[in-house]
């Protein structure tokens, strides 16, 4: 992994020599989340909750996780440690302000002093959103942006059951407005989980389609964080290590859902990619994906994955970004920088498209039910997405339209 980044269009032509004007971007490192990783690590949740001073715990999850038995096992460990536990198990995908209001009502009625998010990114977002309002009051829109909370928040434990969002390592709650469907990113260091428990055994119960969508999402996180305008030496370490873990592991998990080594690599890789997001942010693929989900119900991971190859091609027109992609591809030996930047980027795009094929995704946005006439509307909305601001190549409405057109055609 090369932590240095080019700041001009100068090329090293794959010879390994760095131009004199390359520099490391600055960063302010403040690790916030303790990671507990390993098969069966859910058993530690009671001990960890007690260490954090919890007494009255709200467990935030969804019906599927409850049906799989994960919630009841967590409750058993918490109660064995002397905790009083209330369960809110009606989390919905892409939580809205209405979902937060319902969870908040439960939290208040139970005198909650600790929150646990158990499930996918939606459970963790709901837990974080509830924490904002329970401790700081107001409405979710009051925290849209960065660092808007003025009071401390309750201790949060995040327990992912999917290897995808990496939300367990981020301080953001992504909540959609109930009426406008506008997704609000509410970021605050105080909202970050104190502890994330990464138990690969919890991911075995997820359906293959969820494994595919969340896995592709995690890979997209590694790819996008490796090239954003905020990338730095710290974030790149996580982007590259996540990519090396995720790329070979996803096909293994999809072929054999009981491959626990691959499951573990996917879960840890997703957490590392989430850490990269926390320190680098995301780019145009995520900006383009959100309108597809809002208008055509394309699952987030699928939408991001299907937009990613076109975004890589677009961004790699910048020489510095081309090198960053080439270095990323070198990690799992998809290509080698010394053999040229263009071949390396082509190999990266080819492999991303191969992974989409393995995941069983449609071959085009047209197959997803996207109306080609909607592209101008989608492009206008994508341009306004927050993550577009961090794309390494400046991107506007016409550029997004071109990306949608490329993804609309069959690959």
Protein backbone atom coordinates (compact mmCIF):
# COMPACT_ATOMS: atom_id res chain seq x y z
CA UNK A 1 0.00 0.00 0.00
CA UNK A 2 1.35 3.38 -0.99
CA UNK A 3 0.22 6.10 1.38
CA UNK A 4 1.43 8.88 -0.89
CA UNK A 5 -0.84 10.46 -3.44
CA UNK A 6 -0.06 12.51 -6.54
CA UNK A 7 -1.30 16.07 -6.49
CA UNK A 8 -0.79 16.87 -10.16
CA UNK A 9 -1.42 15.10 -13.42
CA UNK A 10 2.18 13.89 -13.51
CA UNK A 11 2.56 10.18 -14.23
CA UNK A 12 5.25 7.87 -12.92
CA UNK A 13 4.53 5.53 -15.86
CA UNK A 14 4.61 2.54 -13.52
CA UNK A 15 8.34 2.88 -12.76
CA UNK A 16 7.85 3.10 -8.99
CA UNK A 17 9.48 6.55 -8.68
CA UNK A 18 7.43 9.22 -6.96
CA UNK A 19 7.26 12.79 -8.29
CA UNK A 20 8.72 15.42 -5.99
CA UNK A 21 5.35 17.10 -5.51
CA UNK A 22 3.56 14.07 -4.06
CA UNK A 23 2.53 14.49 -0.45
CA UNK A 24 0.56 12.84 2.33
CA UNK A 25 -2.80 14.39 3.12
CA UNK A 26 -3.20 15.46 6.73
CA UNK A 27 -5.55 13.76 9.17
CA UNK A 28 -6.66 13.94 12.79
CA UNK A 29 -6.67 10.40 14.20
CA UNK A 30 -9.10 9.73 17.03
CA UNK A 31 -9.99 6.00 17.24
CA UNK A 32 -13.30 5.65 19.04
CA UNK A 33 -14.48 2.08 18.68
CA UNK A 34 -13.05 -1.02 20.34
CA UNK A 35 -13.25 -4.08 18.07
CA UNK A 36 -13.95 -7.53 19.50
CA UNK A 37 -13.59 -10.14 16.75
CA UNK A 38 -13.98 -13.92 16.62
CA UNK A 39 -16.40 -16.81 16.32
CA UNK A 40 -18.70 -16.82 19.35
CA UNK A 41 -17.74 -13.31 20.45
CA UNK A 42 -21.44 -12.49 20.97
CA UNK A 43 -21.06 -14.34 24.27
CA UNK A 44 -19.02 -11.37 25.55
CA UNK A 45 -21.81 -8.83 25.16
CA UNK A 46 -22.96 -9.07 28.78
CA UNK A 47 -19.48 -8.58 30.18
CA UNK A 48 -18.82 -5.68 27.81
CA UNK A 49 -22.12 -4.00 28.65
CA UNK A 50 -21.34 -4.26 32.36
CA UNK A 51 -17.87 -2.76 31.76
CA UNK A 52 -19.52 0.20 30.03
CA UNK A 53 -21.78 0.77 33.02
CA UNK A 54 -25.02 -0.38 31.45
CA UNK A 55 -28.04 -1.38 33.49
CA UNK A 56 -31.16 -0.85 31.39
CA UNK A 57 -30.35 -1.88 27.83
CA UNK A 58 -32.37 -1.26 24.68
CA UNK A 59 -31.66 -3.89 22.02
CA UNK A 60 -32.47 -2.51 18.56
CA UNK A 61 -32.92 -5.14 15.85
CA UNK A 62 -35.31 -6.43 13.18
CA UNK A 63 -37.79 -9.29 12.88
CA UNK A 64 -35.46 -11.40 10.74
CA UNK A 65 -32.63 -11.24 13.28
CA UNK A 66 -35.08 -12.05 16.05
CA UNK A 67 -36.44 -15.03 14.09
CA UNK A 68 -32.89 -16.31 13.56
CA UNK A 69 -32.45 -16.45 17.32
CA UNK A 70 -29.62 -13.93 17.50
CA UNK A 71 -31.60 -11.44 19.59
CA UNK A 72 -32.65 -14.02 22.18
CA UNK A 73 -29.06 -15.18 22.56
CA UNK A 74 -27.87 -11.62 23.08
CA UNK A 75 -30.61 -11.05 25.65
CA UNK A 76 -29.62 -14.22 27.52
CA UNK A 77 -26.00 -13.07 27.80
CA UNK A 78 -27.07 -9.59 28.89
CA UNK A 79 -29.50 -10.86 31.52
CA UNK A 80 -26.88 -13.27 32.83
CA UNK A 81 -24.71 -10.20 33.43
CA UNK A 82 -27.50 -8.56 35.42
CA UNK A 83 -28.92 -6.28 32.72
CA UNK A 84 -32.56 -5.35 32.29
CA UNK A 85 -33.22 -5.66 28.54
CA UNK A 86 -35.97 -4.17 26.37
CA UNK A 87 -36.23 -5.16 22.71
CA UNK A 88 -37.25 -2.99 19.77
CA UNK A 89 -37.38 -5.42 16.85
CA UNK A 90 -39.32 -3.50 14.21
CA UNK A 91 -36.38 -1.91 12.38
CA UNK A 92 -37.00 -1.36 8.67
CA UNK A 93 -34.53 -1.13 5.82
CA UNK A 94 -33.44 2.47 5.17
CA UNK A 95 -34.91 3.79 8.46
CA UNK A 96 -36.94 6.97 8.43
CA UNK A 97 -37.64 9.66 10.99
CA UNK A 98 -40.85 7.76 11.77
CA UNK A 99 -38.85 4.65 12.61
CA UNK A 100 -36.64 6.68 14.94
CA UNK A 101 -39.71 8.15 16.66
CA UNK A 102 -41.09 4.68 17.37
CA UNK A 103 -37.78 3.40 18.72
CA UNK A 104 -37.36 6.55 20.81
CA UNK A 105 -40.74 5.95 22.45
CA UNK A 106 -39.58 2.51 23.61
CA UNK A 107 -36.25 3.86 24.82
CA UNK A 108 -37.92 6.55 26.92
CA UNK A 109 -40.50 4.21 28.41
CA UNK A 110 -37.77 1.81 29.54
CA UNK A 111 -35.43 4.34 31.15
CA UNK A 112 -32.67 3.22 28.75
CA UNK A 113 -29.07 3.91 29.75
CA UNK A 114 -27.35 1.85 27.02
CA UNK A 115 -28.20 0.96 23.43
CA UNK A 116 -27.20 -2.07 21.39
CA UNK A 117 -27.66 -2.19 17.61
CA UNK A 118 -27.88 -5.81 16.43
CA UNK A 119 -28.30 -6.45 12.71
CA UNK A 120 -27.39 -4.74 9.47
CA UNK A 121 -26.72 -1.08 8.84
CA UNK A 122 -30.39 -0.21 9.34
CA UNK A 123 -30.40 -1.52 12.92
CA UNK A 124 -27.24 0.39 13.74
CA UNK A 125 -28.55 3.56 12.08
CA UNK A 126 -31.78 3.28 14.06
CA UNK A 127 -29.82 2.78 17.28
CA UNK A 128 -27.64 5.82 16.56
CA UNK A 129 -30.56 7.99 15.51
CA UNK A 130 -32.45 7.09 18.68
CA UNK A 131 -29.34 7.91 20.72
CA UNK A 132 -29.19 11.39 19.17
CA UNK A 133 -32.76 12.26 20.13
CA UNK A 134 -32.83 10.47 23.48
CA UNK A 135 -29.79 12.37 24.74
CA UNK A 136 -29.92 15.65 22.84
CA UNK A 137 -33.61 16.13 22.03
CA UNK A 138 -35.06 17.81 18.95
CA UNK A 139 -35.51 16.18 15.55
CA UNK A 140 -33.17 14.24 13.26
CA UNK A 141 -32.89 17.20 10.90
CA UNK A 142 -31.25 19.14 13.72
CA UNK A 143 -28.25 16.80 13.47
CA UNK A 144 -27.98 16.68 9.69
CA UNK A 145 -24.34 17.44 9.06
CA UNK A 146 -21.32 17.08 11.29
CA UNK A 147 -20.94 17.58 15.04
CA UNK A 148 -24.37 19.03 15.79
CA UNK A 149 -24.94 17.18 19.10
CA UNK A 150 -24.02 19.27 22.15
CA UNK A 151 -24.54 16.70 24.92
CA UNK A 152 -22.91 13.30 25.59
CA UNK A 153 -24.66 10.22 24.23
CA UNK A 154 -25.36 6.86 25.81
CA UNK A 155 -22.85 4.03 25.38
CA UNK A 156 -23.56 2.14 22.15
CA UNK A 157 -22.55 -1.42 21.30
CA UNK A 158 -22.78 -2.34 17.61
CA UNK A 159 -23.14 -5.99 16.59
CA UNK A 160 -23.31 -6.44 12.81
CA UNK A 161 -24.96 -9.54 11.37
CA UNK A 162 -24.07 -8.64 7.78
CA UNK A 163 -20.66 -8.02 6.25
CA UNK A 164 -21.45 -4.83 4.42
CA UNK A 165 -22.10 -1.34 5.73
CA UNK A 166 -19.27 -1.04 8.23
CA UNK A 167 -21.63 1.18 10.23
CA UNK A 168 -20.23 -0.35 13.41
CA UNK A 169 -17.03 1.65 12.79
CA UNK A 170 -18.66 4.94 11.79
CA UNK A 171 -20.13 7.86 13.69
CA UNK A 172 -22.88 8.50 11.13
CA UNK A 173 -26.59 7.77 11.33
CA UNK A 174 -28.24 7.72 7.88
CA UNK A 175 -31.90 8.54 8.36
CA UNK A 176 -34.47 9.38 5.66
CA UNK A 177 -37.10 12.05 6.16
CA UNK A 178 -40.48 10.33 6.45
CA UNK A 179 -42.15 12.81 4.11
CA UNK A 180 -39.54 13.93 1.59
CA UNK A 181 -37.51 10.66 1.55
CA UNK A 182 -34.38 12.82 1.65
CA UNK A 183 -31.62 10.80 3.31
CA UNK A 184 -29.90 12.76 6.07
CA UNK A 185 -26.36 11.95 7.14
CA UNK A 186 -26.01 12.86 10.80
CA UNK A 187 -22.40 12.57 11.88
CA UNK A 188 -21.00 13.13 15.34
CA UNK A 189 -18.04 11.53 17.12
CA UNK A 190 -20.26 11.04 20.16
CA UNK A 191 -22.55 8.77 18.10
CA UNK A 192 -19.82 6.21 17.38
CA UNK A 193 -20.12 2.80 18.99
CA UNK A 194 -17.95 2.35 22.07
CA UNK A 195 -17.55 -1.33 21.15
CA UNK A 196 -18.22 -3.32 17.98
CA UNK A 197 -18.62 -7.08 18.38
CA UNK A 198 -17.71 -8.91 15.17
CA UNK A 199 -18.96 -12.50 15.39
CA UNK A 200 -18.77 -14.26 12.00
CA UNK A 201 -21.22 -16.92 13.21
CA UNK A 202 -23.98 -14.30 13.15
CA UNK A 203 -23.60 -13.81 9.40
CA UNK A 204 -24.31 -17.44 8.44
CA UNK A 205 -28.08 -17.02 8.72
CA UNK A 206 -28.34 -14.25 6.13
CA UNK A 207 -29.85 -15.21 2.75
CA UNK A 208 -27.48 -15.46 -0.25
CA UNK A 209 -28.98 -12.32 -1.80
CA UNK A 210 -28.14 -10.34 1.35
CA UNK A 211 -24.64 -11.80 1.43
CA UNK A 212 -24.17 -10.71 -2.19
CA UNK A 213 -25.55 -7.18 -1.81
CA UNK A 214 -23.80 -6.38 1.45
CA UNK A 215 -20.56 -7.93 0.23
CA UNK A 216 -20.53 -5.85 -2.95
CA UNK A 217 -21.34 -2.77 -0.87
CA UNK A 218 -18.33 -3.44 1.36
CA UNK A 219 -16.08 -3.86 -1.69
CA UNK A 220 -17.41 -0.59 -3.10
CA UNK A 221 -16.52 1.08 0.20
CA UNK A 222 -12.93 -0.11 -0.12
CA UNK A 223 -12.72 1.09 -3.74
CA UNK A 224 -14.27 4.51 -3.17
CA UNK A 225 -12.41 5.34 0.04
CA UNK A 226 -9.12 4.59 -1.71
CA UNK A 227 -9.53 7.54 -4.09
CA UNK A 228 -11.61 10.27 -2.43
CA UNK A 229 -10.30 13.79 -1.98
CA UNK A 230 -10.06 13.09 1.78
CA UNK A 231 -7.97 9.92 1.47
CA UNK A 232 -4.84 9.93 3.60
CA UNK A 233 -2.17 7.59 4.87
CA UNK A 234 -4.37 6.29 7.68
CA UNK A 235 -7.52 5.70 5.62
CA UNK A 236 -5.60 4.05 2.79
CA UNK A 237 -4.26 1.41 5.14
CA UNK A 238 -7.84 0.34 5.88
CA UNK A 239 -9.06 0.68 2.29
CA UNK A 240 -6.31 -1.55 0.95
CA UNK A 241 -6.47 -4.17 3.69
CA UNK A 242 -10.25 -4.34 3.37
CA UNK A 243 -10.01 -4.80 -0.39
CA UNK A 244 -7.47 -7.60 -0.01
CA UNK A 245 -9.76 -9.39 2.44
CA UNK A 246 -13.05 -8.86 0.65
CA UNK A 247 -12.27 -9.50 -3.02
CA UNK A 248 -11.21 -13.16 -2.72
CA UNK A 249 -13.61 -13.95 0.12
CA UNK A 250 -16.96 -12.96 -1.40
CA UNK A 251 -16.91 -15.66 -4.12
CA UNK A 252 -15.95 -18.23 -1.47
CA UNK A 253 -18.85 -17.28 0.80
CA UNK A 254 -21.35 -17.28 -2.07
CA UNK A 255 -20.13 -20.74 -3.12
CA UNK A 256 -20.03 -22.16 0.42
CA UNK A 257 -22.06 -20.21 3.02
CA UNK A 258 -20.45 -22.28 5.78
CA UNK A 259 -16.90 -21.26 4.91
CA UNK A 260 -16.22 -19.61 8.26
CA UNK A 261 -12.75 -18.38 7.39
CA UNK A 262 -14.17 -16.48 4.43
CA UNK A 263 -17.09 -15.31 6.57
CA UNK A 264 -14.65 -13.91 9.10
CA UNK A 265 -12.63 -12.15 6.42
CA UNK A 266 -15.79 -10.61 4.98
CA UNK A 267 -16.96 -9.34 8.37
CA UNK A 268 -13.58 -7.94 9.37
CA UNK A 269 -13.04 -6.53 5.87
CA UNK A 270 -16.37 -4.72 6.04
CA UNK A 271 -15.42 -3.21 9.40
CA UNK A 272 -12.06 -2.07 8.04
CA UNK A 273 -13.80 -0.52 5.03
CA UNK A 274 -16.17 1.22 7.45
CA UNK A 275 -13.16 2.61 9.28
CA UNK A 276 -11.85 3.86 5.95
CA UNK A 277 -15.17 5.64 5.34
CA UNK A 278 -14.90 7.30 8.74
CA UNK A 279 -11.54 8.74 7.71
CA UNK A 280 -11.97 9.21 3.96
CA UNK A 281 -15.69 9.39 3.03
CA UNK A 282 -17.22 8.02 -0.19
CA UNK A 283 -17.70 9.16 -3.78
CA UNK A 284 -19.83 9.21 -6.91
CA UNK A 285 -20.91 5.56 -6.91
CA UNK A 286 -22.79 6.09 -3.66
CA UNK A 287 -24.15 9.42 -4.88
CA UNK A 288 -25.54 7.71 -7.97
CA UNK A 289 -26.90 4.75 -6.02
CA UNK A 290 -29.15 6.63 -3.60
CA UNK A 291 -31.59 7.99 -6.25
CA UNK A 292 -31.87 4.50 -7.75
CA UNK A 293 -32.97 3.18 -4.37
CA UNK A 294 -35.34 6.08 -3.75
CA UNK A 295 -37.08 5.96 -7.16
CA UNK A 296 -36.82 2.33 -8.27
CA UNK A 297 -36.23 0.39 -5.04
CA UNK A 298 -32.91 -0.97 -6.27
CA UNK A 299 -31.26 -2.49 -3.20
CA UNK A 300 -28.46 -0.24 -2.00
CA UNK A 301 -25.58 -2.68 -2.39
CA UNK A 302 -26.76 -3.68 -5.83
CA UNK A 303 -27.18 -0.07 -6.91
CA UNK A 304 -23.70 0.90 -5.70
CA UNK A 305 -22.11 -2.14 -7.30
CA UNK A 306 -23.77 -1.61 -10.66
CA UNK A 307 -22.65 2.03 -10.77
CA UNK A 308 -19.09 1.37 -9.60
CA UNK A 309 -17.42 0.20 -12.86
CA UNK A 310 -18.61 3.30 -14.72
CA UNK A 311 -17.44 5.53 -11.87
CA UNK A 312 -13.99 3.91 -11.86
CA UNK A 313 -13.69 4.51 -15.61
CA UNK A 314 -14.80 8.12 -15.17
CA UNK A 315 -12.47 8.89 -12.28
CA UNK A 316 -9.46 7.17 -13.81
CA UNK A 317 -9.28 9.86 -16.47
CA UNK A 318 -7.37 11.76 -13.78
CA UNK A 319 -3.80 10.47 -13.73
CA UNK A 320 -3.44 10.63 -9.95
CA UNK A 321 -6.67 8.69 -9.44
CA UNK A 322 -5.64 6.16 -12.06
CA UNK A 323 -2.54 5.41 -10.00
CA UNK A 324 -4.59 5.11 -6.80
CA UNK A 325 -6.87 2.54 -8.46
CA UNK A 326 -3.87 0.69 -9.88
CA UNK A 327 -2.27 0.46 -6.46
CA UNK A 328 -5.52 -0.86 -5.00
CA UNK A 329 -5.71 -3.56 -7.68
CA UNK A 330 -2.15 -4.59 -6.85
CA UNK A 331 -3.09 -5.61 -3.30
CA UNK A 332 -4.95 -8.83 -4.14
CA UNK A 333 -2.79 -9.19 -7.25
CA UNK A 334 -5.49 -8.40 -9.77
CA UNK A 335 -2.77 -6.41 -11.54
CA UNK A 336 0.65 -4.86 -10.95
CA UNK A 337 1.47 -1.16 -11.08
CA UNK A 338 4.89 -1.83 -12.58
CA UNK A 339 3.20 -3.23 -15.69
CA UNK A 340 1.35 0.02 -16.35
CA UNK A 341 -1.48 2.01 -14.83
CA UNK A 342 -4.00 1.56 -17.64
CA UNK A 343 -3.81 -2.26 -17.67
CA UNK A 344 -4.14 -2.27 -13.87
CA UNK A 345 -7.27 -0.10 -13.92
CA UNK A 346 -8.76 -2.22 -16.72
CA UNK A 347 -8.09 -5.33 -14.64
CA UNK A 348 -9.79 -3.70 -11.66
CA UNK A 349 -12.91 -2.84 -13.68
CA UNK A 350 -13.01 -6.30 -15.24
CA UNK A 351 -12.82 -7.94 -11.83
CA UNK A 352 -15.52 -5.70 -10.37
CA UNK A 353 -17.80 -6.69 -13.25
CA UNK A 354 -16.92 -10.34 -12.67
CA UNK A 355 -17.90 -9.98 -9.00
CA UNK A 356 -21.25 -8.46 -10.04
CA UNK A 357 -21.78 -11.52 -12.23
CA UNK A 358 -20.91 -13.88 -9.37
CA UNK A 359 -23.28 -11.96 -7.10
CA UNK A 360 -26.07 -12.62 -9.60
CA UNK A 361 -26.89 -8.97 -10.23
CA UNK A 362 -28.78 -7.86 -13.35
CA UNK A 363 -26.60 -6.87 -16.29
CA UNK A 364 -28.00 -3.37 -16.64
CA UNK A 365 -30.14 -0.75 -14.93
CA UNK A 366 -32.75 -1.46 -17.60
CA UNK A 367 -33.09 -4.99 -16.19
CA UNK A 368 -33.64 -3.41 -12.75
CA UNK A 369 -36.73 -1.62 -14.03
CA UNK A 370 -35.08 1.77 -14.30
CA UNK A 371 -36.81 4.05 -16.84
CA UNK A 372 -34.27 5.64 -19.17
CA UNK A 373 -36.42 8.78 -19.28
CA UNK A 374 -35.75 9.24 -15.57
CA UNK A 375 -31.99 9.68 -16.05
CA UNK A 376 -32.09 13.51 -16.01
CA UNK A 377 -33.98 13.42 -12.71
CA UNK A 378 -31.65 10.80 -11.25
CA UNK A 379 -28.60 12.80 -12.35
CA UNK A 380 -29.91 16.02 -10.81
CA UNK A 381 -30.47 14.26 -7.49
CA UNK A 382 -27.12 12.45 -7.60
CA UNK A 383 -25.30 15.74 -8.04
CA UNK A 384 -26.81 16.99 -4.78
CA UNK A 385 -25.74 13.94 -2.75
CA UNK A 386 -23.23 14.73 -0.04
CA UNK A 387 -20.71 12.08 -1.08
CA UNK A 388 -20.37 13.68 -4.54
CA UNK A 389 -18.35 16.40 -2.84
CA UNK A 390 -15.57 13.91 -2.08
CA UNK A 391 -15.32 12.29 -5.50
CA UNK A 392 -11.71 12.62 -6.70
CA UNK A 393 -12.74 14.01 -10.06
CA UNK A 394 -15.18 16.98 -10.11
CA UNK A 395 -18.57 15.68 -11.17
CA UNK A 396 -21.77 17.40 -12.19
CA UNK A 397 -25.26 16.60 -13.46
CA UNK A 398 -24.17 15.89 -17.03
CA UNK A 399 -21.43 13.59 -15.79
CA UNK A 400 -23.90 11.65 -13.67
CA UNK A 401 -26.21 11.36 -16.65
CA UNK A 402 -23.36 9.79 -18.58
CA UNK A 403 -22.71 7.33 -15.75
CA UNK A 404 -26.37 6.29 -15.68
CA UNK A 405 -26.38 5.88 -19.46
CA UNK A 406 -23.32 3.64 -19.24
CA UNK A 407 -24.94 1.49 -16.54
CA UNK A 408 -28.26 1.44 -18.37
CA UNK A 409 -26.71 -0.45 -21.28
CA UNK A 410 -26.10 -4.15 -20.81
CA UNK A 411 -22.56 -5.09 -19.90
